[in-house]
Amino acid sequence: MISNLSYIHPLAKVAENVIVEPFAYIGANVEIGEGTWVGPHATILEGSYVGKNCKLFPGAVIGAIPQDLKFKGENSTLVIEDNVIVRECCTLNRGTEASMTTRIGKGTMLMAYVHVAHDCFIGSNCIIANNVNLAGHIEIGNQVIIGGMSAVHQFVKIGDHAMIGGGSLVRKDVPPYVKAAREPLSYVGVNSVGLRRRGFTIEQVNHIQDIYRILFVKGNNVKKAIETIDATIHESAEKAFIMQFLMQADRGLMKGFRQ
């Protein structure tokens, strides 16, 4: 059902069973997949691709141009995959020439007033809570939770299954499977509850904890920690995934455990 009080540009492609509520705006070269709901006063601007069964709540602004003075009008995109929820007044910006896109993965929920800047890549099944602000070029893995009122610095990477406490200032990379909180942002343990809910065994969780004790608890620098982990921890998919992240942590890692 498409309300007569909404505006849809003739060059937009909207699936037949999409619901568009009154006063929504859908611009040119927008694509919206089957089963998606576009709430009243939601705005979807040129270059936006919205998947199936998404929910876009009132006041959301999808696909605005980047807030980047280097942006020169390039034909970039904003991609929202299937089953994504975008709550009230979120602002999601298109990419720049750096990557030409911003992407929100399947099943992710962005709560009210979240800002996602240009060239961000958010994985699947994430929860980004109210008033979180993501600067440009951020990479967030799958099944990440970021607490409300947090701010993430540009170019930061956050690994899969990480959980970040509310009100955090995230200036450094956060590796997978961990909980992070305090100021400055620090390791506060492995996200064991979240991992068990997602099917990780006790043995896998303990194995991950052994790795992070070496990295964050025993006072090693990162180079020494990586050498020790490589030499003393048995091989596993979790170890390989963590080690790959550590080798690509261009901004450096958050701090280790502090009493």
C-alpha atoms as a PDB file:
ATOM      1  CA  MET A   1       0.000   0.000   0.000  1.00  0.00           C
ATOM      2  CA  ILE A   2       1.375   3.375  -1.025  1.00  0.00           C
ATOM      3  CA  SER A   3      -0.235   6.455   0.465  1.00  0.00           C
ATOM      4  CA  ASN A   4      -1.374   9.171  -1.904  1.00  0.00           C
ATOM      5  CA  LEU A   5       0.190  11.631   0.534  1.00  0.00           C
ATOM      6  CA  SER A   6       3.702  10.252   0.007  1.00  0.00           C
ATOM      7  CA  TYR A   7       6.107  11.273  -2.784  1.00  0.00           C
ATOM      8  CA  ILE A   8       7.842   8.648  -4.936  1.00  0.00           C
ATOM      9  CA  HIS A   9      10.073   9.775  -7.792  1.00  0.00           C
ATOM     10  CA  PRO A  10       9.219   8.201 -11.171  1.00  0.00           C
ATOM     11  CA  LEU A  11      12.743   6.741 -11.404  1.00  0.00           C
ATOM     12  CA  ALA A  12      12.477   4.943  -8.050  1.00  0.00           C
ATOM     13  CA  LYS A  13      11.941   1.160  -8.057  1.00  0.00           C
ATOM     14  CA  VAL A  14       9.551   0.094  -5.298  1.00  0.00           C
ATOM     15  CA  ALA A  15       8.364  -3.514  -5.001  1.00  0.00           C
ATOM     16  CA  GLU A  16       4.598  -4.024  -5.242  1.00  0.00           C
ATOM     17  CA  ASN A  17       4.030  -5.067  -1.618  1.00  0.00           C
ATOM     18  CA  VAL A  18       6.033  -2.251  -0.012  1.00  0.00           C
ATOM     19  CA  ILE A  19       4.053  -0.074   2.412  1.00  0.00           C
ATOM     20  CA  VAL A  20       4.757   3.649   2.144  1.00  0.00           C
ATOM     21  CA  GLU A  21       3.054   5.780   4.777  1.00  0.00           C
ATOM     22  CA  PRO A  22       1.877   9.410   4.386  1.00  0.00           C
ATOM     23  CA  PHE A  23       4.496  12.128   3.925  1.00  0.00           C
ATOM     24  CA  ALA A  24       7.353   9.712   3.212  1.00  0.00           C
ATOM     25  CA  TYR A  25       9.775  10.859   0.484  1.00  0.00           C
ATOM     26  CA  ILE A  26      11.489   8.460  -1.937  1.00  0.00           C
ATOM     27  CA  GLY A  27      13.920  10.016  -4.402  1.00  0.00           C
ATOM     28  CA  ALA A  28      15.266   9.090  -7.823  1.00  0.00           C
ATOM     29  CA  ASN A  29      17.338   5.943  -8.357  1.00  0.00           C
ATOM     30  CA  VAL A  30      16.158   4.392  -5.093  1.00  0.00           C
ATOM     31  CA  GLU A  31      15.395   0.681  -4.910  1.00  0.00           C
ATOM     32  CA  ILE A  32      13.215  -0.836  -2.160  1.00  0.00           C
ATOM     33  CA  GLY A  33      12.710  -4.580  -1.769  1.00  0.00           C
ATOM     34  CA  GLU A  34       9.602  -6.618  -1.025  1.00  0.00           C
ATOM     35  CA  GLY A  35       7.874  -6.393   2.325  1.00  0.00           C
ATOM     36  CA  THR A  36       9.602  -3.217   3.480  1.00  0.00           C
ATOM     37  CA  TRP A  37       7.704  -0.633   5.521  1.00  0.00           C
ATOM     38  CA  VAL A  38       8.533   3.059   5.017  1.00  0.00           C
ATOM     39  CA  GLY A  39       7.122   5.057   7.904  1.00  0.00           C
ATOM     40  CA  PRO A  40       5.592   8.536   7.799  1.00  0.00           C
ATOM     41  CA  HIS A  41       8.109  11.339   7.229  1.00  0.00           C
ATOM     42  CA  ALA A  42      10.923   8.892   6.427  1.00  0.00           C
ATOM     43  CA  THR A  43      13.231  10.234   3.700  1.00  0.00           C
ATOM     44  CA  ILE A  44      15.069   7.955   1.268  1.00  0.00           C
ATOM     45  CA  LEU A  45      17.389   9.887  -1.009  1.00  0.00           C
ATOM     46  CA  GLU A  46      19.030   9.149  -4.346  1.00  0.00           C
ATOM     47  CA  GLY A  47      21.521   6.286  -4.390  1.00  0.00           C
ATOM     48  CA  SER A  48      19.835   4.265  -1.619  1.00  0.00           C
ATOM     49  CA  TYR A  49      19.206   0.532  -1.918  1.00  0.00           C
ATOM     50  CA  VAL A  50      16.908  -0.964   0.710  1.00  0.00           C
ATOM     51  CA  GLY A  51      16.461  -4.731   0.953  1.00  0.00           C
ATOM     52  CA  LYS A  52      13.477  -6.910   1.755  1.00  0.00           C
ATOM     53  CA  ASN A  53      11.387  -6.765   4.941  1.00  0.00           C
ATOM     54  CA  CYS A  54      13.087  -3.680   6.360  1.00  0.00           C
ATOM     55  CA  LYS A  55      11.388  -1.187   8.676  1.00  0.00           C
ATOM     56  CA  LEU A  56      12.243   2.512   8.290  1.00  0.00           C
ATOM     57  CA  PHE A  57      10.694   4.571  11.081  1.00  0.00           C
ATOM     58  CA  PRO A  58       9.510   8.216  11.054  1.00  0.00           C
ATOM     59  CA  GLY A  59      12.171  10.861  10.651  1.00  0.00           C
ATOM     60  CA  ALA A  60      14.877   8.533   9.350  1.00  0.00           C
ATOM     61  CA  VAL A  61      17.036  10.088   6.615  1.00  0.00           C
ATOM     62  CA  ILE A  62      18.500   7.417   4.356  1.00  0.00           C
ATOM     63  CA  GLY A  63      21.222   8.111   1.813  1.00  0.00           C
ATOM     64  CA  ALA A  64      22.030  11.787   2.392  1.00  0.00           C
ATOM     65  CA  ILE A  65      25.325  12.938   0.877  1.00  0.00           C
ATOM     66  CA  PRO A  66      28.409  12.581   3.102  1.00  0.00           C
ATOM     67  CA  GLN A  67      29.264  15.252   5.637  1.00  0.00           C
ATOM     68  CA  ASP A  68      32.750  15.357   4.132  1.00  0.00           C
ATOM     69  CA  LEU A  69      34.206  18.439   2.446  1.00  0.00           C
ATOM     70  CA  LYS A  70      36.170  16.178   0.082  1.00  0.00           C
ATOM     71  CA  PHE A  71      32.933  14.827  -1.400  1.00  0.00           C
ATOM     72  CA  LYS A  72      32.599  16.035  -5.001  1.00  0.00           C
ATOM     73  CA  GLY A  73      29.229  14.589  -5.928  1.00  0.00           C
ATOM     74  CA  GLU A  74      30.447  11.135  -6.947  1.00  0.00           C
ATOM     75  CA  ASN A  75      27.761   8.569  -7.749  1.00  0.00           C
ATOM     76  CA  SER A  76      28.043   6.669  -4.445  1.00  0.00           C
ATOM     77  CA  THR A  77      25.498   4.494  -2.648  1.00  0.00           C
ATOM     78  CA  LEU A  78      23.945   3.542   0.672  1.00  0.00           C
ATOM     79  CA  VAL A  79      23.049  -0.158   0.884  1.00  0.00           C
ATOM     80  CA  ILE A  80      20.698  -1.558   3.526  1.00  0.00           C
ATOM     81  CA  GLU A  81      20.438  -5.341   3.372  1.00  0.00           C
ATOM     82  CA  ASP A  82      17.371  -7.446   4.245  1.00  0.00           C
ATOM     83  CA  ASN A  83      15.511  -7.351   7.584  1.00  0.00           C
ATOM     84  CA  VAL A  84      17.154  -4.198   8.882  1.00  0.00           C
ATOM     85  CA  ILE A  85      15.340  -1.944  11.376  1.00  0.00           C
ATOM     86  CA  VAL A  86      16.112   1.787  11.268  1.00  0.00           C
ATOM     87  CA  ARG A  87      14.400   3.595  14.125  1.00  0.00           C
ATOM     88  CA  GLU A  88      13.314   7.220  14.480  1.00  0.00           C
ATOM     89  CA  CYS A  89      15.571  10.037  13.248  1.00  0.00           C
ATOM     90  CA  CYS A  90      18.557   7.908  12.247  1.00  0.00           C
ATOM     91  CA  THR A  91      20.833   9.485   9.627  1.00  0.00           C
ATOM     92  CA  LEU A  92      22.688   7.178   7.222  1.00  0.00           C
ATOM     93  CA  ASN A  93      25.061   8.762   4.694  1.00  0.00           C
ATOM     94  CA  ARG A  94      26.235   7.555   1.282  1.00  0.00           C
ATOM     95  CA  GLY A  95      29.862   6.641   0.621  1.00  0.00           C
ATOM     96  CA  THR A  96      32.643   8.739  -0.886  1.00  0.00           C
ATOM     97  CA  GLU A  97      35.234   7.883  -3.537  1.00  0.00           C
ATOM     98  CA  ALA A  98      37.155   5.971  -0.839  1.00  0.00           C
ATOM     99  CA  SER A  99      34.814   2.975  -1.119  1.00  0.00           C
ATOM    100  CA  MET A 100      31.787   4.419  -2.967  1.00  0.00           C
ATOM    101  CA  THR A 101      29.341   2.893  -0.500  1.00  0.00           C
ATOM    102  CA  THR A 102      28.073   2.641   3.050  1.00  0.00           C
ATOM    103  CA  ARG A 103      26.590  -0.753   3.970  1.00  0.00           C
ATOM    104  CA  ILE A 104      24.305  -2.010   6.755  1.00  0.00           C
ATOM    105  CA  GLY A 105      24.241  -5.809   7.066  1.00  0.00           C
ATOM    106  CA  LYS A 106      21.256  -8.157   7.301  1.00  0.00           C
ATOM    107  CA  GLY A 107      19.190  -8.212  10.464  1.00  0.00           C
ATOM    108  CA  THR A 108      20.874  -5.212  12.055  1.00  0.00           C
ATOM    109  CA  MET A 109      18.934  -2.834  14.285  1.00  0.00           C
ATOM    110  CA  LEU A 110      19.792   0.863  14.485  1.00  0.00           C
ATOM    111  CA  MET A 111      17.957   2.460  17.400  1.00  0.00           C
ATOM    112  CA  ALA A 112      16.723   6.053  17.442  1.00  0.00           C
ATOM    113  CA  TYR A 113      19.100   8.910  16.570  1.00  0.00           C
ATOM    114  CA  VAL A 114      21.982   6.712  15.403  1.00  0.00           C
ATOM    115  CA  HIS A 115      24.301   8.393  12.895  1.00  0.00           C
ATOM    116  CA  VAL A 116      26.206   6.277  10.375  1.00  0.00           C
ATOM    117  CA  ALA A 117      28.712   8.354   8.405  1.00  0.00           C
ATOM    118  CA  HIS A 118      30.142   7.766   4.940  1.00  0.00           C
ATOM    119  CA  ASP A 119      32.006   4.571   4.018  1.00  0.00           C
ATOM    120  CA  CYS A 120      30.990   2.638   7.126  1.00  0.00           C
ATOM    121  CA  PHE A 121      30.525  -1.113   6.891  1.00  0.00           C
ATOM    122  CA  ILE A 122      28.284  -2.655   9.553  1.00  0.00           C
ATOM    123  CA  GLY A 123      27.934  -6.432   9.655  1.00  0.00           C
ATOM    124  CA  SER A 124      24.894  -8.634  10.119  1.00  0.00           C
ATOM    125  CA  ASN A 125      22.687  -8.913  13.218  1.00  0.00           C
ATOM    126  CA  CYS A 126      24.257  -5.978  15.055  1.00  0.00           C
ATOM    127  CA  ILE A 127      22.483  -3.816  17.618  1.00  0.00           C
ATOM    128  CA  ILE A 128      23.525  -0.158  17.626  1.00  0.00           C
ATOM    129  CA  ALA A 129      21.711   1.522  20.524  1.00  0.00           C
ATOM    130  CA  ASN A 130      20.243   5.012  20.829  1.00  0.00           C
ATOM    131  CA  ASN A 131      22.354   8.059  20.015  1.00  0.00           C
ATOM    132  CA  VAL A 132      25.439   6.152  18.892  1.00  0.00           C
ATOM    133  CA  ASN A 133      27.565   8.190  16.470  1.00  0.00           C
ATOM    134  CA  LEU A 134      29.775   6.436  13.934  1.00  0.00           C
ATOM    135  CA  ALA A 135      32.341   8.567  12.101  1.00  0.00           C
ATOM    136  CA  GLY A 136      33.507   7.736   8.574  1.00  0.00           C
ATOM    137  CA  HIS A 137      35.307   4.591   7.366  1.00  0.00           C
ATOM    138  CA  ILE A 138      34.393   2.446  10.397  1.00  0.00           C
ATOM    139  CA  GLU A 139      34.245  -1.339  10.057  1.00  0.00           C
ATOM    140  CA  ILE A 140      31.964  -3.259  12.435  1.00  0.00           C
ATOM    141  CA  GLY A 141      31.782  -7.049  12.365  1.00  0.00           C
ATOM    142  CA  ASN A 142      28.814  -9.362  12.787  1.00  0.00           C
ATOM    143  CA  GLN A 143      26.653  -9.608  15.930  1.00  0.00           C
ATOM    144  CA  VAL A 144      28.248  -6.572  17.580  1.00  0.00           C
ATOM    145  CA  ILE A 145      26.415  -4.625  20.286  1.00  0.00           C
ATOM    146  CA  ILE A 146      27.238  -0.953  20.920  1.00  0.00           C
ATOM    147  CA  GLY A 147      25.626   0.678  23.956  1.00  0.00           C
ATOM    148  CA  GLY A 148      23.775   3.967  23.739  1.00  0.00           C
ATOM    149  CA  MET A 149      25.485   7.375  23.674  1.00  0.00           C
ATOM    150  CA  SER A 150      28.760   5.874  22.409  1.00  0.00           C
ATOM    151  CA  ALA A 151      30.958   7.610  19.834  1.00  0.00           C
ATOM    152  CA  VAL A 152      33.303   5.751  17.488  1.00  0.00           C
ATOM    153  CA  HIS A 153      36.333   7.461  15.902  1.00  0.00           C
ATOM    154  CA  GLN A 154      36.876   7.337  12.143  1.00  0.00           C
ATOM    155  CA  PHE A 155      38.718   4.283  10.724  1.00  0.00           C
ATOM    156  CA  VAL A 156      38.137   2.206  13.868  1.00  0.00           C
ATOM    157  CA  LYS A 157      37.513  -1.537  13.478  1.00  0.00           C
ATOM    158  CA  ILE A 158      35.283  -3.524  15.850  1.00  0.00           C
ATOM    159  CA  GLY A 159      35.434  -7.319  15.632  1.00  0.00           C
ATOM    160  CA  ASP A 160      32.642  -9.891  15.536  1.00  0.00           C
ATOM    161  CA  HIS A 161      30.673 -10.577  18.750  1.00  0.00           C
ATOM    162  CA  ALA A 162      32.159  -7.596  20.588  1.00  0.00           C
ATOM    163  CA  MET A 163      30.044  -5.733  23.139  1.00  0.00           C
ATOM    164  CA  ILE A 164      30.765  -2.084  23.963  1.00  0.00           C
ATOM    165  CA  GLY A 165      29.310  -0.451  27.066  1.00  0.00           C
ATOM    166  CA  GLY A 166      27.059   2.572  26.844  1.00  0.00           C
ATOM    167  CA  GLY A 167      28.642   6.013  26.805  1.00  0.00           C
ATOM    168  CA  SER A 168      31.975   4.729  25.497  1.00  0.00           C
ATOM    169  CA  LEU A 169      34.469   6.725  23.453  1.00  0.00           C
ATOM    170  CA  VAL A 170      35.942   4.236  20.993  1.00  0.00           C
ATOM    171  CA  ARG A 171      39.228   5.624  19.682  1.00  0.00           C
ATOM    172  CA  LYS A 172      41.101   2.354  19.113  1.00  0.00           C
ATOM    173  CA  ASP A 173      40.295  -0.982  17.516  1.00  0.00           C
ATOM    174  CA  VAL A 174      38.252  -3.489  19.519  1.00  0.00           C
ATOM    175  CA  PRO A 175      39.033  -7.154  18.733  1.00  0.00           C
ATOM    176  CA  PRO A 176      36.400  -9.897  18.349  1.00  0.00           C
ATOM    177  CA  TYR A 177      34.617 -11.684  21.206  1.00  0.00           C
ATOM    178  CA  VAL A 178      35.376  -9.108  23.923  1.00  0.00           C
ATOM    179  CA  LYS A 179      33.546  -6.712  26.215  1.00  0.00           C
ATOM    180  CA  ALA A 180      34.860  -3.149  26.322  1.00  0.00           C
ATOM    181  CA  ALA A 181      34.039  -0.316  28.722  1.00  0.00           C
ATOM    182  CA  ARG A 182      35.572   2.350  31.020  1.00  0.00           C
ATOM    183  CA  GLU A 183      37.408   5.539  30.028  1.00  0.00           C
ATOM    184  CA  PRO A 184      39.768   5.239  28.277  1.00  0.00           C
ATOM    185  CA  LEU A 185      38.123   2.245  26.645  1.00  0.00           C
ATOM    186  CA  SER A 186      39.553  -0.970  28.073  1.00  0.00           C
ATOM    187  CA  TYR A 187      39.178  -4.729  27.998  1.00  0.00           C
ATOM    188  CA  VAL A 188      36.754  -5.921  30.683  1.00  0.00           C
ATOM    189  CA  GLY A 189      36.501  -9.569  29.723  1.00  0.00           C
ATOM    190  CA  VAL A 190      35.259 -11.924  27.045  1.00  0.00           C
ATOM    191  CA  ASN A 191      31.631 -11.606  25.930  1.00  0.00           C
ATOM    192  CA  SER A 192      30.971 -15.090  27.323  1.00  0.00           C
ATOM    193  CA  VAL A 193      27.201 -14.725  27.785  1.00  0.00           C
ATOM    194  CA  GLY A 194      26.730 -13.490  24.219  1.00  0.00           C
ATOM    195  CA  LEU A 195      28.970 -16.221  22.819  1.00  0.00           C
ATOM    196  CA  ARG A 196      27.135 -19.015  24.638  1.00  0.00           C
ATOM    197  CA  ARG A 197      23.801 -17.639  23.394  1.00  0.00           C
ATOM    198  CA  ARG A 198      25.176 -17.877  19.857  1.00  0.00           C
ATOM    199  CA  GLY A 199      26.235 -21.501  20.188  1.00  0.00           C
ATOM    200  CA  PHE A 200      29.861 -21.284  21.314  1.00  0.00           C
ATOM    201  CA  THR A 201      30.847 -24.107  23.649  1.00  0.00           C
ATOM    202  CA  ILE A 202      32.391 -23.639  27.102  1.00  0.00           C
ATOM    203  CA  GLU A 203      35.641 -25.000  25.670  1.00  0.00           C
ATOM    204  CA  GLN A 204      35.637 -22.379  22.896  1.00  0.00           C
ATOM    205  CA  VAL A 205      34.910 -19.565  25.359  1.00  0.00           C
ATOM    206  CA  ASN A 206      37.718 -20.716  27.693  1.00  0.00           C
ATOM    207  CA  HIS A 207      40.073 -20.941  24.717  1.00  0.00           C
ATOM    208  CA  ILE A 208      39.252 -17.339  23.738  1.00  0.00           C
ATOM    209  CA  GLN A 209      39.779 -16.234  27.358  1.00  0.00           C
ATOM    210  CA  ASP A 210      43.245 -17.854  27.353  1.00  0.00           C
ATOM    211  CA  ILE A 211      44.205 -15.788  24.293  1.00  0.00           C
ATOM    212  CA  TYR A 212      42.989 -12.507  25.769  1.00  0.00           C
ATOM    213  CA  ARG A 213      44.672 -13.088  29.138  1.00  0.00           C
ATOM    214  CA  ILE A 214      47.977 -13.032  27.268  1.00  0.00           C
ATOM    215  CA  LEU A 215      47.020  -9.962  25.228  1.00  0.00           C
ATOM    216  CA  PHE A 216      45.229  -7.824  27.806  1.00  0.00           C
ATOM    217  CA  VAL A 217      45.786  -9.091  31.364  1.00  0.00           C
ATOM    218  CA  LYS A 218      49.430 -10.157  31.723  1.00  0.00           C
ATOM    219  CA  GLY A 219      50.968  -6.795  30.832  1.00  0.00           C
ATOM    220  CA  ASN A 220      52.549  -7.791  27.517  1.00  0.00           C
ATOM    221  CA  ASN A 221      52.946  -5.301  24.717  1.00  0.00           C
ATOM    222  CA  VAL A 222      51.091  -6.250  21.556  1.00  0.00           C
ATOM    223  CA  LYS A 223      54.151  -7.598  19.724  1.00  0.00           C
ATOM    224  CA  LYS A 224      55.154  -9.805  22.657  1.00  0.00           C
ATOM    225  CA  ALA A 225      51.546 -10.936  23.184  1.00  0.00           C
ATOM    226  CA  ILE A 226      51.195 -11.991  19.546  1.00  0.00           C
ATOM    227  CA  GLU A 227      54.442 -13.978  19.735  1.00  0.00           C
ATOM    228  CA  THR A 228      53.336 -15.698  22.952  1.00  0.00           C
ATOM    229  CA  ILE A 229      49.856 -16.496  21.637  1.00  0.00           C
ATOM    230  CA  ASP A 230      51.349 -17.941  18.459  1.00  0.00           C
ATOM    231  CA  ALA A 231      53.791 -20.114  20.418  1.00  0.00           C
ATOM    232  CA  THR A 232      51.634 -21.323  23.313  1.00  0.00           C
ATOM    233  CA  ILE A 233      47.962 -21.407  22.247  1.00  0.00           C
ATOM    234  CA  HIS A 234      46.777 -24.363  20.140  1.00  0.00           C
ATOM    235  CA  GLU A 235      45.443 -23.683  16.676  1.00  0.00           C
ATOM    236  CA  SER A 236      41.737 -23.040  16.177  1.00  0.00           C
ATOM    237  CA  ALA A 237      39.373 -21.021  14.024  1.00  0.00           C
ATOM    238  CA  GLU A 238      38.957 -18.537  16.914  1.00  0.00           C
ATOM    239  CA  LYS A 239      42.716 -18.095  17.323  1.00  0.00           C
ATOM    240  CA  ALA A 240      43.203 -17.551  13.577  1.00  0.00           C
ATOM    241  CA  PHE A 241      40.368 -15.012  13.504  1.00  0.00           C
ATOM    242  CA  ILE A 242      41.774 -13.061  16.463  1.00  0.00           C
ATOM    243  CA  MET A 243      45.319 -13.105  15.094  1.00  0.00           C
ATOM    244  CA  GLN A 244      44.164 -11.826  11.705  1.00  0.00           C
ATOM    245  CA  PHE A 245      42.352  -8.956  13.420  1.00  0.00           C
ATOM    246  CA  LEU A 246      45.421  -8.073  15.527  1.00  0.00           C
ATOM    247  CA  MET A 247      47.651  -7.940  12.458  1.00  0.00           C
ATOM    248  CA  GLN A 248      45.219  -5.525  10.756  1.00  0.00           C
ATOM    249  CA  ALA A 249      44.585  -3.215  13.725  1.00  0.00           C
ATOM    250  CA  ASP A 250      45.881  -0.076  12.028  1.00  0.00           C
ATOM    251  CA  ARG A 251      44.706   2.328  14.753  1.00  0.00           C
ATOM    252  CA  GLY A 252      46.159   0.211  17.548  1.00  0.00           C
ATOM    253  CA  LEU A 253      44.214  -1.707  20.167  1.00  0.00           C
ATOM    254  CA  MET A 254      42.162  -0.516  23.112  1.00  0.00           C
ATOM    255  CA  LYS A 255      43.858  -0.732  26.510  1.00  0.00           C
ATOM    256  CA  GLY A 256      44.231  -3.908  28.519  1.00  0.00           C
ATOM    257  CA  PHE A 257      42.636  -4.803  31.840  1.00  0.00           C
ATOM    258  CA  ARG A 258      42.958  -2.190  34.599  1.00  0.00           C
ATOM    259  CA  GLN A 259      42.117  -2.594  38.288  1.00  0.00           C
END
